[in-house]
């Protein structure tokens, strides 16, 4: 079961991921990479958190 987010929520989450990487690592993450990471979390971890 994949969890889908509204576009505004997804955009905010992608921005949060980008900001976290910028503040906590020596690497920057691009928009597409952040979106892919969010998608991974929603597919792999989201269902167990949701339940």
PDB file of N, CA and C in Angstrom:
ATOM      1  N   UNK A   1       0.837  -1.170   0.000  1.00  0.00           N
ATOM      2  CA  UNK A   1       0.000   0.000   0.000  1.00  0.00           C
ATOM      3  C   UNK A   1       0.888   1.240   0.000  1.00  0.00           C
ATOM      4  N   UNK A   2       0.847   1.993  -1.050  1.00  0.00           N
ATOM      5  CA  UNK A   2       1.628   3.225  -1.125  1.00  0.00           C
ATOM      6  C   UNK A   2       0.806   4.381  -0.569  1.00  0.00           C
ATOM      7  N   UNK A   3       1.443   5.229   0.176  1.00  0.00           N
ATOM      8  CA  UNK A   3       0.782   6.402   0.722  1.00  0.00           C
ATOM      9  C   UNK A   3       1.043   7.553  -0.243  1.00  0.00           C
ATOM     10  N   UNK A   4      -0.020   8.230  -0.637  1.00  0.00           N
ATOM     11  CA  UNK A   4       0.117   9.365  -1.544  1.00  0.00           C
ATOM     12  C   UNK A   4      -0.180  10.652  -0.783  1.00  0.00           C
ATOM     13  N   UNK A   5       0.606  11.658  -1.048  1.00  0.00           N
ATOM     14  CA  UNK A   5       0.442  12.950  -0.406  1.00  0.00           C
ATOM     15  C   UNK A   5      -0.122  13.963  -1.387  1.00  0.00           C
ATOM     16  N   UNK A   6      -0.893  14.918  -0.903  1.00  0.00           N
ATOM     17  CA  UNK A   6      -1.305  16.018  -1.779  1.00  0.00           C
ATOM     18  C   UNK A   6      -0.062  16.759  -2.294  1.00  0.00           C
ATOM     19  N   UNK A   7      -0.166  17.367  -3.458  1.00  0.00           N
ATOM     20  CA  UNK A   7       0.990  18.027  -4.092  1.00  0.00           C
ATOM     21  C   UNK A   7       1.655  19.053  -3.179  1.00  0.00           C
ATOM     22  N   UNK A   8       0.866  19.838  -2.467  1.00  0.00           N
ATOM     23  CA  UNK A   8       1.438  20.858  -1.586  1.00  0.00           C
ATOM     24  C   UNK A   8       2.221  20.220  -0.439  1.00  0.00           C
ATOM     25  N   UNK A   9       1.673  19.145   0.118  1.00  0.00           N
ATOM     26  CA  UNK A   9       2.333  18.438   1.214  1.00  0.00           C
ATOM     27  C   UNK A   9       3.611  17.784   0.718  1.00  0.00           C
ATOM     28  N   UNK A  10       3.564  17.194  -0.471  1.00  0.00           N
ATOM     29  CA  UNK A  10       4.747  16.557  -1.039  1.00  0.00           C
ATOM     30  C   UNK A  10       5.841  17.592  -1.292  1.00  0.00           C
ATOM     31  N   UNK A  11       5.476  18.735  -1.842  1.00  0.00           N
ATOM     32  CA  UNK A  11       6.463  19.789  -2.109  1.00  0.00           C
ATOM     33  C   UNK A  11       7.099  20.272  -0.816  1.00  0.00           C
ATOM     34  N   UNK A  12       6.306  20.415   0.234  1.00  0.00           N
ATOM     35  CA  UNK A  12       6.854  20.842   1.528  1.00  0.00           C
ATOM     36  C   UNK A  12       7.787  19.783   2.097  1.00  0.00           C
ATOM     37  N   UNK A  13       7.426  18.510   1.960  1.00  0.00           N
ATOM     38  CA  UNK A  13       8.265  17.426   2.463  1.00  0.00           C
ATOM     39  C   UNK A  13       9.585  17.354   1.697  1.00  0.00           C
ATOM     40  N   UNK A  14       9.533  17.531   0.387  1.00  0.00           N
ATOM     41  CA  UNK A  14      10.760  17.532  -0.430  1.00  0.00           C
ATOM     42  C   UNK A  14      11.660  18.685   0.022  1.00  0.00           C
ATOM     43  N   UNK A  15      11.082  19.842   0.240  1.00  0.00           N
ATOM     44  CA  UNK A  15      11.861  20.981   0.731  1.00  0.00           C
ATOM     45  C   UNK A  15      12.484  20.704   2.083  1.00  0.00           C
ATOM     46  N   UNK A  16      11.763  20.018   2.951  1.00  0.00           N
ATOM     47  CA  UNK A  16      12.295  19.662   4.271  1.00  0.00           C
ATOM     48  C   UNK A  16      13.470  18.701   4.153  1.00  0.00           C
ATOM     49  N   UNK A  17      13.362  17.741   3.248  1.00  0.00           N
ATOM     50  CA  UNK A  17      14.464  16.793   3.038  1.00  0.00           C
ATOM     51  C   UNK A  17      15.696  17.523   2.522  1.00  0.00           C
ATOM     52  N   UNK A  18      15.498  18.414   1.559  1.00  0.00           N
ATOM     53  CA  UNK A  18      16.620  19.192   1.026  1.00  0.00           C
ATOM     54  C   UNK A  18      17.277  20.025   2.137  1.00  0.00           C
ATOM     55  N   UNK A  19      16.452  20.658   2.963  1.00  0.00           N
ATOM     56  CA  UNK A  19      16.965  21.486   4.048  1.00  0.00           C
ATOM     57  C   UNK A  19      17.726  20.637   5.072  1.00  0.00           C
ATOM     58  N   UNK A  20      17.188  19.453   5.416  1.00  0.00           N
ATOM     59  CA  UNK A  20      17.850  18.581   6.375  1.00  0.00           C
ATOM     60  C   UNK A  20      19.231  18.185   5.874  1.00  0.00           C
ATOM     61  N   UNK A  21      19.308  17.781   4.603  1.00  0.00           N
ATOM     62  CA  UNK A  21      20.605  17.404   4.051  1.00  0.00           C
ATOM     63  C   UNK A  21      21.577  18.573   4.090  1.00  0.00           C
ATOM     64  N   UNK A  22      21.109  19.739   3.762  1.00  0.00           N
ATOM     65  CA  UNK A  22      21.958  20.931   3.755  1.00  0.00           C
ATOM     66  C   UNK A  22      22.482  21.255   5.150  1.00  0.00           C
ATOM     67  N   UNK A  23      21.639  21.102   6.162  1.00  0.00           N
ATOM     68  CA  UNK A  23      22.008  21.472   7.524  1.00  0.00           C
ATOM     69  C   UNK A  23      22.773  20.390   8.269  1.00  0.00           C
ATOM     70  N   UNK A  24      22.605  19.119   7.885  1.00  0.00           N
ATOM     71  CA  UNK A  24      23.143  18.020   8.685  1.00  0.00           C
ATOM     72  C   UNK A  24      24.208  17.181   8.012  1.00  0.00           C
ATOM     73  N   UNK A  25      24.482  17.424   6.759  1.00  0.00           N
ATOM     74  CA  UNK A  25      25.527  16.667   6.073  1.00  0.00           C
ATOM     75  C   UNK A  25      26.402  17.630   5.287  1.00  0.00           C
ATOM     76  N   UNK A  26      27.477  17.120   4.796  1.00  0.00           N
ATOM     77  CA  UNK A  26      28.357  17.927   3.955  1.00  0.00           C
ATOM     78  C   UNK A  26      27.929  17.874   2.494  1.00  0.00           C
ATOM     79  N   UNK A  27      26.801  17.228   2.236  1.00  0.00           N
ATOM     80  CA  UNK A  27      26.321  17.071   0.863  1.00  0.00           C
ATOM     81  C   UNK A  27      25.002  17.794   0.677  1.00  0.00           C
ATOM     82  N   UNK A  28      24.801  18.266  -0.538  1.00  0.00           N
ATOM     83  CA  UNK A  28      23.504  18.835  -0.910  1.00  0.00           C
ATOM     84  C   UNK A  28      22.742  17.763  -1.673  1.00  0.00           C
ATOM     85  N   UNK A  29      21.446  17.787  -1.570  1.00  0.00           N
ATOM     86  CA  UNK A  29      20.612  16.834  -2.305  1.00  0.00           C
ATOM     87  C   UNK A  29      19.698  17.651  -3.216  1.00  0.00           C
ATOM     88  N   UNK A  30      19.577  17.209  -4.435  1.00  0.00           N
ATOM     89  CA  UNK A  30      18.739  17.925  -5.387  1.00  0.00           C
ATOM     90  C   UNK A  30      17.267  17.609  -5.202  1.00  0.00           C
ATOM     91  N   UNK A  31      16.443  18.355  -5.897  1.00  0.00           N
ATOM     92  CA  UNK A  31      14.997  18.202  -5.806  1.00  0.00           C
ATOM     93  C   UNK A  31      14.549  16.807  -6.218  1.00  0.00           C
ATOM     94  N   UNK A  32      15.095  16.301  -7.312  1.00  0.00           N
ATOM     95  CA  UNK A  32      14.697  14.974  -7.787  1.00  0.00           C
ATOM     96  C   UNK A  32      15.141  13.879  -6.832  1.00  0.00           C
ATOM     97  N   UNK A  33      16.338  14.018  -6.264  1.00  0.00           N
ATOM     98  CA  UNK A  33      16.819  13.025  -5.314  1.00  0.00           C
ATOM     99  C   UNK A  33      15.989  13.054  -4.035  1.00  0.00           C
ATOM    100  N   UNK A  34      15.631  14.251  -3.584  1.00  0.00           N
ATOM    101  CA  UNK A  34      14.805  14.375  -2.377  1.00  0.00           C
ATOM    102  C   UNK A  34      13.423  13.767  -2.619  1.00  0.00           C
ATOM    103  N   UNK A  35      12.858  13.990  -3.803  1.00  0.00           N
ATOM    104  CA  UNK A  35      11.553  13.412  -4.128  1.00  0.00           C
ATOM    105  C   UNK A  35      11.632  11.890  -4.181  1.00  0.00           C
ATOM    106  N   UNK A  36      12.722  11.357  -4.722  1.00  0.00           N
ATOM    107  CA  UNK A  36      12.902   9.903  -4.777  1.00  0.00           C
ATOM    108  C   UNK A  36      13.044   9.322  -3.374  1.00  0.00           C
ATOM    109  N   UNK A  37      13.765  10.020  -2.503  1.00  0.00           N
ATOM    110  CA  UNK A  37      13.921   9.557  -1.127  1.00  0.00           C
ATOM    111  C   UNK A  37      12.575   9.572  -0.403  1.00  0.00           C
ATOM    112  N   UNK A  38      11.805  10.626  -0.586  1.00  0.00           N
ATOM    113  CA  UNK A  38      10.472  10.697   0.002  1.00  0.00           C
ATOM    114  C   UNK A  38       9.609   9.550  -0.501  1.00  0.00           C
ATOM    115  N   UNK A  39       9.641   9.286  -1.805  1.00  0.00           N
ATOM    116  CA  UNK A  39       8.866   8.187  -2.380  1.00  0.00           C
ATOM    117  C   UNK A  39       9.268   6.860  -1.754  1.00  0.00           C
ATOM    118  N   UNK A  40      10.568   6.658  -1.577  1.00  0.00           N
ATOM    119  CA  UNK A  40      11.051   5.428  -0.943  1.00  0.00           C
ATOM    120  C   UNK A  40      10.501   5.291   0.466  1.00  0.00           C
ATOM    121  N   UNK A  41      10.582   6.361   1.255  1.00  0.00           N
ATOM    122  CA  UNK A  41      10.077   6.305   2.625  1.00  0.00           C
ATOM    123  C   UNK A  41       8.574   6.021   2.649  1.00  0.00           C
ATOM    124  N   UNK A  42       7.836   6.652   1.759  1.00  0.00           N
ATOM    125  CA  UNK A  42       6.391   6.440   1.734  1.00  0.00           C
ATOM    126  C   UNK A  42       6.038   5.009   1.346  1.00  0.00           C
ATOM    127  N   UNK A  43       6.787   4.427   0.419  1.00  0.00           N
ATOM    128  CA  UNK A  43       6.517   3.048  -0.009  1.00  0.00           C
ATOM    129  C   UNK A  43       6.985   2.018   1.008  1.00  0.00           C
ATOM    130  N   UNK A  44       8.186   2.218   1.542  1.00  0.00           N
ATOM    131  CA  UNK A  44       8.811   1.195   2.388  1.00  0.00           C
ATOM    132  C   UNK A  44       8.466   1.320   3.871  1.00  0.00           C
ATOM    133  N   UNK A  45       8.400   2.531   4.370  1.00  0.00           N
ATOM    134  CA  UNK A  45       8.220   2.731   5.804  1.00  0.00           C
ATOM    135  C   UNK A  45       6.811   3.227   6.125  1.00  0.00           C
ATOM    136  N   UNK A  46       6.232   3.978   5.227  1.00  0.00           N
ATOM    137  CA  UNK A  46       4.925   4.586   5.457  1.00  0.00           C
ATOM    138  C   UNK A  46       3.835   3.625   5.902  1.00  0.00           C
ATOM    139  N   UNK A  47       3.669   2.500   5.214  1.00  0.00           N
ATOM    140  CA  UNK A  47       2.578   1.590   5.617  1.00  0.00           C
ATOM    141  C   UNK A  47       2.707   1.090   7.066  1.00  0.00           C
ATOM    142  N   UNK A  48       3.912   0.798   7.509  1.00  0.00           N
ATOM    143  CA  UNK A  48       4.046   0.306   8.891  1.00  0.00           C
ATOM    144  C   UNK A  48       3.800   1.412   9.897  1.00  0.00           C
ATOM    145  N   UNK A  49       4.139   2.634   9.564  1.00  0.00           N
ATOM    146  CA  UNK A  49       3.869   3.769  10.451  1.00  0.00           C
ATOM    147  C   UNK A  49       2.372   4.065  10.451  1.00  0.00           C
ATOM    148  N   UNK A  50       1.754   3.973   9.283  1.00  0.00           N
ATOM    149  CA  UNK A  50       0.328   4.250   9.142  1.00  0.00           C
ATOM    150  C   UNK A  50      -0.505   3.278   9.969  1.00  0.00           C
ATOM    151  N   UNK A  51      -0.092   2.009   9.955  1.00  0.00           N
ATOM    152  CA  UNK A  51      -0.836   0.984  10.692  1.00  0.00           C
ATOM    153  C   UNK A  51      -0.437   1.045  12.131  1.00  0.00           C
TER     154      UNK A  51
END
